[in-house]
C-alpha atoms as a PDB file:
ATOM      1  CA  UNK A   1      27.504 -40.854  -1.905  1.00  0.00           C
ATOM      2  CA  UNK A   2      23.959 -40.801  -0.569  1.00  0.00           C
ATOM      3  CA  UNK A   3      24.329 -37.219   0.679  1.00  0.00           C
ATOM      4  CA  UNK A   4      25.805 -36.128  -2.631  1.00  0.00           C
ATOM      5  CA  UNK A   5      22.679 -37.429  -4.363  1.00  0.00           C
ATOM      6  CA  UNK A   6      20.095 -36.156  -1.872  1.00  0.00           C
ATOM      7  CA  UNK A   7      21.328 -32.563  -1.646  1.00  0.00           C
ATOM      8  CA  UNK A   8      21.179 -31.782  -5.397  1.00  0.00           C
ATOM      9  CA  UNK A   9      17.831 -33.594  -5.588  1.00  0.00           C
ATOM     10  CA  UNK A  10      16.474 -31.484  -2.740  1.00  0.00           C
ATOM     11  CA  UNK A  11      17.682 -28.297  -4.447  1.00  0.00           C
ATOM     12  CA  UNK A  12      16.090 -29.381  -7.702  1.00  0.00           C
ATOM     13  CA  UNK A  13      12.712 -29.984  -6.058  1.00  0.00           C
ATOM     14  CA  UNK A  14      12.917 -26.603  -4.332  1.00  0.00           C
ATOM     15  CA  UNK A  15      13.853 -24.654  -7.457  1.00  0.00           C
ATOM     16  CA  UNK A  16      11.330 -26.422  -9.694  1.00  0.00           C
ATOM     17  CA  UNK A  17       8.559 -26.002  -7.111  1.00  0.00           C
ATOM     18  CA  UNK A  18       9.128 -22.248  -6.875  1.00  0.00           C
ATOM     19  CA  UNK A  19       9.459 -21.911 -10.647  1.00  0.00           C
ATOM     20  CA  UNK A  20       6.211 -23.779 -11.292  1.00  0.00           C
ATOM     21  CA  UNK A  21       4.459 -21.683  -8.620  1.00  0.00           C
ATOM     22  CA  UNK A  22       5.544 -18.454 -10.329  1.00  0.00           C
ATOM     23  CA  UNK A  23       4.342 -19.674 -13.715  1.00  0.00           C
ATOM     24  CA  UNK A  24       0.963 -20.874 -12.447  1.00  0.00           C
ATOM     25  CA  UNK A  25       1.619 -24.609 -12.725  1.00  0.00           C
ATOM     26  CA  UNK A  26       0.249 -25.168  -9.245  1.00  0.00           C
ATOM     27  CA  UNK A  27      -0.155 -28.940  -9.140  1.00  0.00           C
ATOM     28  CA  UNK A  28       3.417 -29.468 -10.320  1.00  0.00           C
ATOM     29  CA  UNK A  29       4.665 -26.845  -7.867  1.00  0.00           C
ATOM     30  CA  UNK A  30       2.890 -28.558  -4.995  1.00  0.00           C
ATOM     31  CA  UNK A  31       4.266 -31.960  -5.959  1.00  0.00           C
ATOM     32  CA  UNK A  32       7.848 -30.690  -5.781  1.00  0.00           C
ATOM     33  CA  UNK A  33       7.511 -28.480  -2.709  1.00  0.00           C
ATOM     34  CA  UNK A  34       6.062 -31.182  -0.465  1.00  0.00           C
ATOM     35  CA  UNK A  35       9.329 -33.054  -1.068  1.00  0.00           C
ATOM     36  CA  UNK A  36      11.376 -30.278   0.569  1.00  0.00           C
ATOM     37  CA  UNK A  37       9.086 -28.727   3.162  1.00  0.00           C
ATOM     38  CA  UNK A  38      10.523 -30.697   6.091  1.00  0.00           C
ATOM     39  CA  UNK A  39      13.987 -29.303   5.412  1.00  0.00           C
ATOM     40  CA  UNK A  40      12.679 -25.915   4.221  1.00  0.00           C
ATOM     41  CA  UNK A  41       9.743 -25.059   6.511  1.00  0.00           C
ATOM     42  CA  UNK A  42       9.578 -21.578   4.990  1.00  0.00           C
ATOM     43  CA  UNK A  43       7.964 -23.269   1.970  1.00  0.00           C
ATOM     44  CA  UNK A  44       4.825 -23.848   4.040  1.00  0.00           C
ATOM     45  CA  UNK A  45       3.582 -20.335   3.287  1.00  0.00           C
ATOM     46  CA  UNK A  46       4.033 -20.866  -0.442  1.00  0.00           C
ATOM     47  CA  UNK A  47       2.225 -24.196  -0.159  1.00  0.00           C
ATOM     48  CA  UNK A  48      -0.587 -22.418   1.705  1.00  0.00           C
ATOM     49  CA  UNK A  49      -0.912 -19.931  -1.157  1.00  0.00           C
ATOM     50  CA  UNK A  50      -0.853 -22.691  -3.771  1.00  0.00           C
ATOM     51  CA  UNK A  51      -3.559 -24.645  -1.937  1.00  0.00           C
ATOM     52  CA  UNK A  52      -5.734 -21.540  -1.595  1.00  0.00           C
ATOM     53  CA  UNK A  53      -5.444 -20.758  -5.305  1.00  0.00           C
ATOM     54  CA  UNK A  54      -6.517 -24.338  -6.048  1.00  0.00           C
ATOM     55  CA  UNK A  55      -9.580 -23.924  -3.841  1.00  0.00           C
ATOM     56  CA  UNK A  56      -8.228 -26.233  -1.122  1.00  0.00           C
ATOM     57  CA  UNK A  57      -9.227 -24.038   1.802  1.00  0.00           C
ATOM     58  CA  UNK A  58      -8.655 -26.512   4.638  1.00  0.00           C
ATOM     59  CA  UNK A  59      -5.282 -27.560   3.277  1.00  0.00           C
ATOM     60  CA  UNK A  60      -4.299 -23.918   2.867  1.00  0.00           C
ATOM     61  CA  UNK A  61      -5.213 -23.176   6.488  1.00  0.00           C
ATOM     62  CA  UNK A  62      -3.311 -26.243   7.665  1.00  0.00           C
ATOM     63  CA  UNK A  63      -0.111 -25.104   5.946  1.00  0.00           C
ATOM     64  CA  UNK A  64      -0.568 -21.562   7.289  1.00  0.00           C
ATOM     65  CA  UNK A  65      -0.993 -22.836  10.867  1.00  0.00           C
ATOM     66  CA  UNK A  66       2.118 -24.980  10.518  1.00  0.00           C
ATOM     67  CA  UNK A  67       4.032 -21.939   9.268  1.00  0.00           C
ATOM     68  CA  UNK A  68       2.724 -19.888  12.196  1.00  0.00           C
ATOM     69  CA  UNK A  69       4.160 -22.431  14.654  1.00  0.00           C
ATOM     70  CA  UNK A  70       7.560 -22.373  12.944  1.00  0.00           C
ATOM     71  CA  UNK A  71       7.832 -18.588  13.172  1.00  0.00           C
ATOM     72  CA  UNK A  72       6.482 -18.374  16.718  1.00  0.00           C
ATOM     73  CA  UNK A  73       9.151 -20.883  17.751  1.00  0.00           C
ATOM     74  CA  UNK A  74      11.838 -18.807  16.038  1.00  0.00           C
ATOM     75  CA  UNK A  75      10.634 -15.646  17.778  1.00  0.00           C
ATOM     76  CA  UNK A  76      10.611 -17.436  21.118  1.00  0.00           C
ATOM     77  CA  UNK A  77      14.326 -18.041  20.584  1.00  0.00           C
ATOM     78  CA  UNK A  78      15.009 -14.536  19.257  1.00  0.00           C
ATOM     79  CA  UNK A  79      12.239 -11.902  19.592  1.00  0.00           C
ATOM     80  CA  UNK A  80      14.307  -9.531  17.420  1.00  0.00           C
ATOM     81  CA  UNK A  81      14.271 -11.867  14.404  1.00  0.00           C
ATOM     82  CA  UNK A  82      12.736  -9.402  11.959  1.00  0.00           C
ATOM     83  CA  UNK A  83      12.324 -11.843   9.080  1.00  0.00           C
ATOM     84  CA  UNK A  84      10.551 -14.371  11.303  1.00  0.00           C
ATOM     85  CA  UNK A  85       8.203 -11.655  12.574  1.00  0.00           C
ATOM     86  CA  UNK A  86       7.242 -10.547   9.057  1.00  0.00           C
ATOM     87  CA  UNK A  87       6.648 -14.165   8.049  1.00  0.00           C
ATOM     88  CA  UNK A  88       4.626 -14.808  11.212  1.00  0.00           C
ATOM     89  CA  UNK A  89       2.413 -11.906  10.175  1.00  0.00           C
ATOM     90  CA  UNK A  90       2.136 -13.388   6.675  1.00  0.00           C
ATOM     91  CA  UNK A  91       1.060 -16.719   8.146  1.00  0.00           C
ATOM     92  CA  UNK A  92      -1.705 -14.943  10.080  1.00  0.00           C
ATOM     93  CA  UNK A  93      -2.821 -13.126   6.920  1.00  0.00           C
ATOM     94  CA  UNK A  94      -3.024 -16.526   5.204  1.00  0.00           C
ATOM     95  CA  UNK A  95      -5.476 -17.493   7.964  1.00  0.00           C
ATOM     96  CA  UNK A  96      -7.426 -14.259   7.354  1.00  0.00           C
ATOM     97  CA  UNK A  97      -6.564 -13.111  10.893  1.00  0.00           C
ATOM     98  CA  UNK A  98      -5.583  -9.512  10.203  1.00  0.00           C
ATOM     99  CA  UNK A  99      -5.720  -8.247  13.808  1.00  0.00           C
ATOM    100  CA  UNK A 100      -3.201 -10.927  14.871  1.00  0.00           C
ATOM    101  CA  UNK A 101      -1.060 -10.201  11.815  1.00  0.00           C
ATOM    102  CA  UNK A 102      -0.985  -6.520  12.754  1.00  0.00           C
ATOM    103  CA  UNK A 103      -0.187  -7.332  16.381  1.00  0.00           C
ATOM    104  CA  UNK A 104       2.808  -9.432  15.357  1.00  0.00           C
ATOM    105  CA  UNK A 105       4.263  -6.477  13.454  1.00  0.00           C
ATOM    106  CA  UNK A 106       3.438  -3.778  16.004  1.00  0.00           C
ATOM    107  CA  UNK A 107       5.137  -5.891  18.674  1.00  0.00           C
ATOM    108  CA  UNK A 108       8.216  -5.873  16.456  1.00  0.00           C
ATOM    109  CA  UNK A 109       7.911  -2.135  15.850  1.00  0.00           C
ATOM    110  CA  UNK A 110       7.875  -1.555  19.599  1.00  0.00           C
ATOM    111  CA  UNK A 111      11.188  -3.439  19.821  1.00  0.00           C
ATOM    112  CA  UNK A 112      12.870  -1.733  16.894  1.00  0.00           C
ATOM    113  CA  UNK A 113      11.354   0.981  14.713  1.00  0.00           C
ATOM    114  CA  UNK A 114      12.651  -0.157  11.326  1.00  0.00           C
ATOM    115  CA  UNK A 115      11.546   0.611   7.748  1.00  0.00           C
ATOM    116  CA  UNK A 116      10.928  -3.117   7.234  1.00  0.00           C
ATOM    117  CA  UNK A 117       8.326  -3.216  10.021  1.00  0.00           C
ATOM    118  CA  UNK A 118       6.611  -0.053   8.808  1.00  0.00           C
ATOM    119  CA  UNK A 119       6.550  -1.217   5.186  1.00  0.00           C
ATOM    120  CA  UNK A 120       5.070  -4.561   6.237  1.00  0.00           C
ATOM    121  CA  UNK A 121       2.380  -2.785   8.265  1.00  0.00           C
ATOM    122  CA  UNK A 122       1.484  -0.504   5.362  1.00  0.00           C
ATOM    123  CA  UNK A 123       1.192  -3.469   3.013  1.00  0.00           C
ATOM    124  CA  UNK A 124      -0.881  -5.388   5.555  1.00  0.00           C
ATOM    125  CA  UNK A 125      -3.409  -2.579   5.913  1.00  0.00           C
ATOM    126  CA  UNK A 126      -3.663  -2.271   2.135  1.00  0.00           C
ATOM    127  CA  UNK A 127      -4.625  -5.943   1.916  1.00  0.00           C
ATOM    128  CA  UNK A 128      -6.960  -5.648   4.892  1.00  0.00           C
ATOM    129  CA  UNK A 129      -8.701  -2.729   3.190  1.00  0.00           C
ATOM    130  CA  UNK A 130      -9.198  -4.844   0.046  1.00  0.00           C
ATOM    131  CA  UNK A 131     -10.705  -7.693   2.074  1.00  0.00           C
ATOM    132  CA  UNK A 132     -13.086  -5.308   3.840  1.00  0.00           C
ATOM    133  CA  UNK A 133     -14.017  -3.730   0.503  1.00  0.00           C
ATOM    134  CA  UNK A 134     -15.222  -7.140  -0.684  1.00  0.00           C
ATOM    135  CA  UNK A 135     -16.807  -8.333   2.551  1.00  0.00           C
ATOM    136  CA  UNK A 136     -18.467  -5.090   3.757  1.00  0.00           C
ATOM    137  CA  UNK A 137     -18.462  -2.657   0.822  1.00  0.00           C
ATOM    138  CA  UNK A 138     -21.095  -0.423   2.411  1.00  0.00           C
ATOM    139  CA  UNK A 139     -19.053   0.216   5.570  1.00  0.00           C
ATOM    140  CA  UNK A 140     -16.893   3.033   4.249  1.00  0.00           C
ATOM    141  CA  UNK A 141     -16.067   4.253   7.749  1.00  0.00           C
ATOM    142  CA  UNK A 142     -14.388   0.983   8.727  1.00  0.00           C
ATOM    143  CA  UNK A 143     -12.438   0.894   5.476  1.00  0.00           C
ATOM    144  CA  UNK A 144     -11.239   4.485   5.934  1.00  0.00           C
ATOM    145  CA  UNK A 145     -10.110   3.611   9.448  1.00  0.00           C
ATOM    146  CA  UNK A 146      -7.888   0.890   7.977  1.00  0.00           C
ATOM    147  CA  UNK A 147      -6.352   3.327   5.492  1.00  0.00           C
ATOM    148  CA  UNK A 148      -5.742   5.794   8.300  1.00  0.00           C
ATOM    149  CA  UNK A 149      -4.110   3.218  10.542  1.00  0.00           C
ATOM    150  CA  UNK A 150      -1.893   2.010   7.723  1.00  0.00           C
ATOM    151  CA  UNK A 151      -0.771   5.561   6.965  1.00  0.00           C
ATOM    152  CA  UNK A 152       0.025   6.143  10.610  1.00  0.00           C
ATOM    153  CA  UNK A 153       2.579   3.358  10.361  1.00  0.00           C
ATOM    154  CA  UNK A 154       3.776   3.921   6.797  1.00  0.00           C
ATOM    155  CA  UNK A 155       2.828   7.398   5.499  1.00  0.00           C
ATOM    156  CA  UNK A 156       4.419   6.994   2.068  1.00  0.00           C
ATOM    157  CA  UNK A 157       3.014   3.538   1.344  1.00  0.00           C
ATOM    158  CA  UNK A 158       2.152   3.490  -2.352  1.00  0.00           C
ATOM    159  CA  UNK A 159      -0.542   0.840  -1.932  1.00  0.00           C
ATOM    160  CA  UNK A 160      -2.416   2.906   0.638  1.00  0.00           C
ATOM    161  CA  UNK A 161      -2.158   6.111  -1.385  1.00  0.00           C
ATOM    162  CA  UNK A 162      -3.250   4.253  -4.523  1.00  0.00           C
ATOM    163  CA  UNK A 163      -6.387   3.085  -2.711  1.00  0.00           C
ATOM    164  CA  UNK A 164      -7.180   6.609  -1.541  1.00  0.00           C
ATOM    165  CA  UNK A 165      -6.715   7.929  -5.074  1.00  0.00           C
ATOM    166  CA  UNK A 166      -8.870   5.106  -6.430  1.00  0.00           C
ATOM    167  CA  UNK A 167     -11.550   5.979  -3.911  1.00  0.00           C
ATOM    168  CA  UNK A 168     -11.577   9.733  -4.534  1.00  0.00           C
ATOM    169  CA  UNK A 169      -9.257  10.500  -7.419  1.00  0.00           C
ATOM    170  CA  UNK A 170     -11.772  10.761 -10.251  1.00  0.00           C
ATOM    171  CA  UNK A 171     -15.327  11.759 -11.091  1.00  0.00           C
ATOM    172  CA  UNK A 172     -16.698   8.242 -11.276  1.00  0.00           C
ATOM    173  CA  UNK A 173     -19.993   7.223  -9.720  1.00  0.00           C
ATOM    174  CA  UNK A 174     -18.110   5.309  -7.013  1.00  0.00           C
ATOM    175  CA  UNK A 175     -15.987   8.344  -6.142  1.00  0.00           C
ATOM    176  CA  UNK A 176     -19.044  10.583  -5.946  1.00  0.00           C
ATOM    177  CA  UNK A 177     -20.790   8.038  -3.756  1.00  0.00           C
ATOM    178  CA  UNK A 178     -17.759   8.008  -1.445  1.00  0.00           C
ATOM    179  CA  UNK A 179     -17.840  11.814  -1.258  1.00  0.00           C
ATOM    180  CA  UNK A 180     -21.533  11.717  -0.420  1.00  0.00           C
ATOM    181  CA  UNK A 181     -20.951   9.239   2.397  1.00  0.00           C
ATOM    182  CA  UNK A 182     -18.102  11.317   3.794  1.00  0.00           C
ATOM    183  CA  UNK A 183     -20.139  14.526   3.644  1.00  0.00           C
ATOM    184  CA  UNK A 184     -22.991  12.797   5.428  1.00  0.00           C
ATOM    185  CA  UNK A 185     -20.566  11.902   8.212  1.00  0.00           C
ATOM    186  CA  UNK A 186     -19.725  15.604   8.441  1.00  0.00           C
ATOM    187  CA  UNK A 187     -23.338  16.730   8.688  1.00  0.00           C
ATOM    188  CA  UNK A 188     -24.201  14.113  11.297  1.00  0.00           C
ATOM    189  CA  UNK A 189     -21.166  14.925  13.425  1.00  0.00           C
ATOM    190  CA  UNK A 190     -19.636  11.477  12.951  1.00  0.00           C
ATOM    191  CA  UNK A 191     -16.585  12.538  10.957  1.00  0.00           C
ATOM    192  CA  UNK A 192     -13.264  11.140  12.158  1.00  0.00           C
ATOM    193  CA  UNK A 193      -9.703  12.242  11.480  1.00  0.00           C
ATOM    194  CA  UNK A 194      -9.587   9.833   8.531  1.00  0.00           C
ATOM    195  CA  UNK A 195     -12.776  11.374   7.096  1.00  0.00           C
ATOM    196  CA  UNK A 196     -11.218  14.833   7.101  1.00  0.00           C
ATOM    197  CA  UNK A 197      -7.899  13.484   5.861  1.00  0.00           C
ATOM    198  CA  UNK A 198      -9.461  11.883   2.780  1.00  0.00           C
ATOM    199  CA  UNK A 199     -11.703  14.881   2.072  1.00  0.00           C
ATOM    200  CA  UNK A 200      -8.605  17.056   2.339  1.00  0.00           C
ATOM    201  CA  UNK A 201      -6.849  14.937  -0.275  1.00  0.00           C
ATOM    202  CA  UNK A 202      -9.912  15.172  -2.498  1.00  0.00           C
ATOM    203  CA  UNK A 203      -9.970  18.976  -2.159  1.00  0.00           C
ATOM    204  CA  UNK A 204      -6.235  19.220  -2.787  1.00  0.00           C
ATOM    205  CA  UNK A 205      -6.540  17.150  -5.975  1.00  0.00           C
ATOM    206  CA  UNK A 206      -9.272  19.536  -7.120  1.00  0.00           C
ATOM    207  CA  UNK A 207      -6.881  22.441  -6.344  1.00  0.00           C
ATOM    208  CA  UNK A 208      -9.171  23.785  -3.616  1.00  0.00           C
ATOM    209  CA  UNK A 209      -6.380  24.517  -1.170  1.00  0.00           C
ATOM    210  CA  UNK A 210      -8.487  26.428   1.354  1.00  0.00           C
ATOM    211  CA  UNK A 211     -10.871  23.492   1.682  1.00  0.00           C
ATOM    212  CA  UNK A 212      -7.946  21.053   1.918  1.00  0.00           C
ATOM    213  CA  UNK A 213      -6.418  23.137   4.698  1.00  0.00           C
ATOM    214  CA  UNK A 214      -9.749  23.280   6.538  1.00  0.00           C
ATOM    215  CA  UNK A 215     -10.074  19.486   6.504  1.00  0.00           C
ATOM    216  CA  UNK A 216      -6.451  18.820   7.452  1.00  0.00           C
ATOM    217  CA  UNK A 217      -6.659  21.337  10.291  1.00  0.00           C
ATOM    218  CA  UNK A 218      -9.678  19.474  11.633  1.00  0.00           C
ATOM    219  CA  UNK A 219      -7.968  16.106  11.166  1.00  0.00           C
ATOM    220  CA  UNK A 220      -4.983  17.435  13.102  1.00  0.00           C
ATOM    221  CA  UNK A 221      -7.237  18.612  15.925  1.00  0.00           C
ATOM    222  CA  UNK A 222      -8.873  15.197  16.150  1.00  0.00           C
ATOM    223  CA  UNK A 223      -5.642  13.184  15.861  1.00  0.00           C
ATOM    224  CA  UNK A 224      -2.492  15.279  16.404  1.00  0.00           C
ATOM    225  CA  UNK A 225      -0.446  12.054  16.359  1.00  0.00           C
ATOM    226  CA  UNK A 226      -1.531  11.333  12.740  1.00  0.00           C
ATOM    227  CA  UNK A 227       1.850  12.194  11.238  1.00  0.00           C
ATOM    228  CA  UNK A 228       0.850  12.225   7.567  1.00  0.00           C
ATOM    229  CA  UNK A 229      -1.764  14.911   8.333  1.00  0.00           C
ATOM    230  CA  UNK A 230       0.922  17.006  10.018  1.00  0.00           C
ATOM    231  CA  UNK A 231       3.096  16.549   6.927  1.00  0.00           C
ATOM    232  CA  UNK A 232       0.358  17.558   4.484  1.00  0.00           C
ATOM    233  CA  UNK A 233      -0.713  20.534   6.563  1.00  0.00           C
ATOM    234  CA  UNK A 234       2.894  21.677   6.918  1.00  0.00           C
ATOM    235  CA  UNK A 235       3.267  21.478   3.132  1.00  0.00           C
ATOM    236  CA  UNK A 236       0.267  23.790   2.651  1.00  0.00           C
ATOM    237  CA  UNK A 237       1.435  26.207   5.326  1.00  0.00           C
ATOM    238  CA  UNK A 238       4.973  26.481   3.954  1.00  0.00           C
ATOM    239  CA  UNK A 239       4.110  28.799   1.072  1.00  0.00           C
ATOM    240  CA  UNK A 240       1.348  30.812  -0.571  1.00  0.00           C
ATOM    241  CA  UNK A 241      -0.664  33.878   0.446  1.00  0.00           C
ATOM    242  CA  UNK A 242      -1.612  32.364   3.789  1.00  0.00           C
ATOM    243  CA  UNK A 243       1.762  30.881   4.581  1.00  0.00           C
ATOM    244  CA  UNK A 244       2.762  30.272   8.185  1.00  0.00           C
ATOM    245  CA  UNK A 245       6.296  28.860   7.938  1.00  0.00           C
ATOM    246  CA  UNK A 246       6.904  28.830  11.691  1.00  0.00           C
ATOM    247  CA  UNK A 247       3.872  26.643  12.320  1.00  0.00           C
ATOM    248  CA  UNK A 248       4.692  24.554   9.261  1.00  0.00           C
ATOM    249  CA  UNK A 249       8.131  23.841  10.710  1.00  0.00           C
ATOM    250  CA  UNK A 250       6.622  22.968  14.074  1.00  0.00           C
ATOM    251  CA  UNK A 251       4.198  20.513  12.470  1.00  0.00           C
ATOM    252  CA  UNK A 252       6.770  18.706  10.361  1.00  0.00           C
ATOM    253  CA  UNK A 253       9.209  18.533  13.262  1.00  0.00           C
ATOM    254  CA  UNK A 254       6.480  16.836  15.320  1.00  0.00           C
ATOM    255  CA  UNK A 255       5.826  14.382  12.469  1.00  0.00           C
ATOM    256  CA  UNK A 256       9.537  13.572  12.207  1.00  0.00           C
ATOM    257  CA  UNK A 257       9.725  13.041  15.943  1.00  0.00           C
ATOM    258  CA  UNK A 258       7.097  10.316  15.537  1.00  0.00           C
ATOM    259  CA  UNK A 259       8.575   8.745  12.390  1.00  0.00           C
ATOM    260  CA  UNK A 260      12.181   9.966  12.081  1.00  0.00           C
ATOM    261  CA  UNK A 261      13.123   7.671   9.202  1.00  0.00           C
ATOM    262  CA  UNK A 262      10.409   8.852   6.791  1.00  0.00           C
ATOM    263  CA  UNK A 263      12.105  10.374   3.697  1.00  0.00           C
ATOM    264  CA  UNK A 264       8.981  12.230   2.518  1.00  0.00           C
ATOM    265  CA  UNK A 265       8.742  14.082   5.824  1.00  0.00           C
ATOM    266  CA  UNK A 266      12.364  15.129   5.565  1.00  0.00           C
ATOM    267  CA  UNK A 267      11.668  16.384   2.042  1.00  0.00           C
ATOM    268  CA  UNK A 268       8.804  18.499   3.378  1.00  0.00           C
ATOM    269  CA  UNK A 269      11.034  19.913   6.095  1.00  0.00           C
END
């Protein structure tokens, strides 16, 4: 009889805690979730988020560290546990340790190149970019490097592309400032592959295809392993007055060799 009572009660606490969390009733959510966290350790991440949103920084970190231990223990038993690896990364993000969060996922990617790992990496770099935008808004180079790295792992990630479009996709003062910074990197010889990649996107959006091709060619020279550059350059080379379909095919085949499960690349091919 005792078990029959406890199990429904546990389920009720769990369901109500998650419901209250989704509807912003954080204190009530916390009160229910602490009743189930011993039997449902995965709730520690949700409790970490709830504590952070309530301004309880130390409590949030404590829950995140507890969650980290749970998922490290699970991975010690089974290093191929994909869900545990993604949640380990999330627990590191909750501690604002983005390098460790990335490492957890890239270790998983090295074991098995799955869409789940690549999606998680793309989302991670989107969040990391947002954090850097708040903490060091003047360091555009570092922020672009994060966008580039994220796109290397997940070329079609909507969050990453949205941030690039937000950065350069209009004629706002912020976009013009970003262009000025990028052009200064060009004139001082400090431009990276990501600099040329973003300037190429900007030129393409303005329908200046020759300029876009120039930037993507340079990005490809600097980082031939940057698969999304190979994809974009192949797209430009596939048609038009200056088409070079043989080279376009070579470029997209190289991109697919690096990321064979990327649907956008197959569409380009």
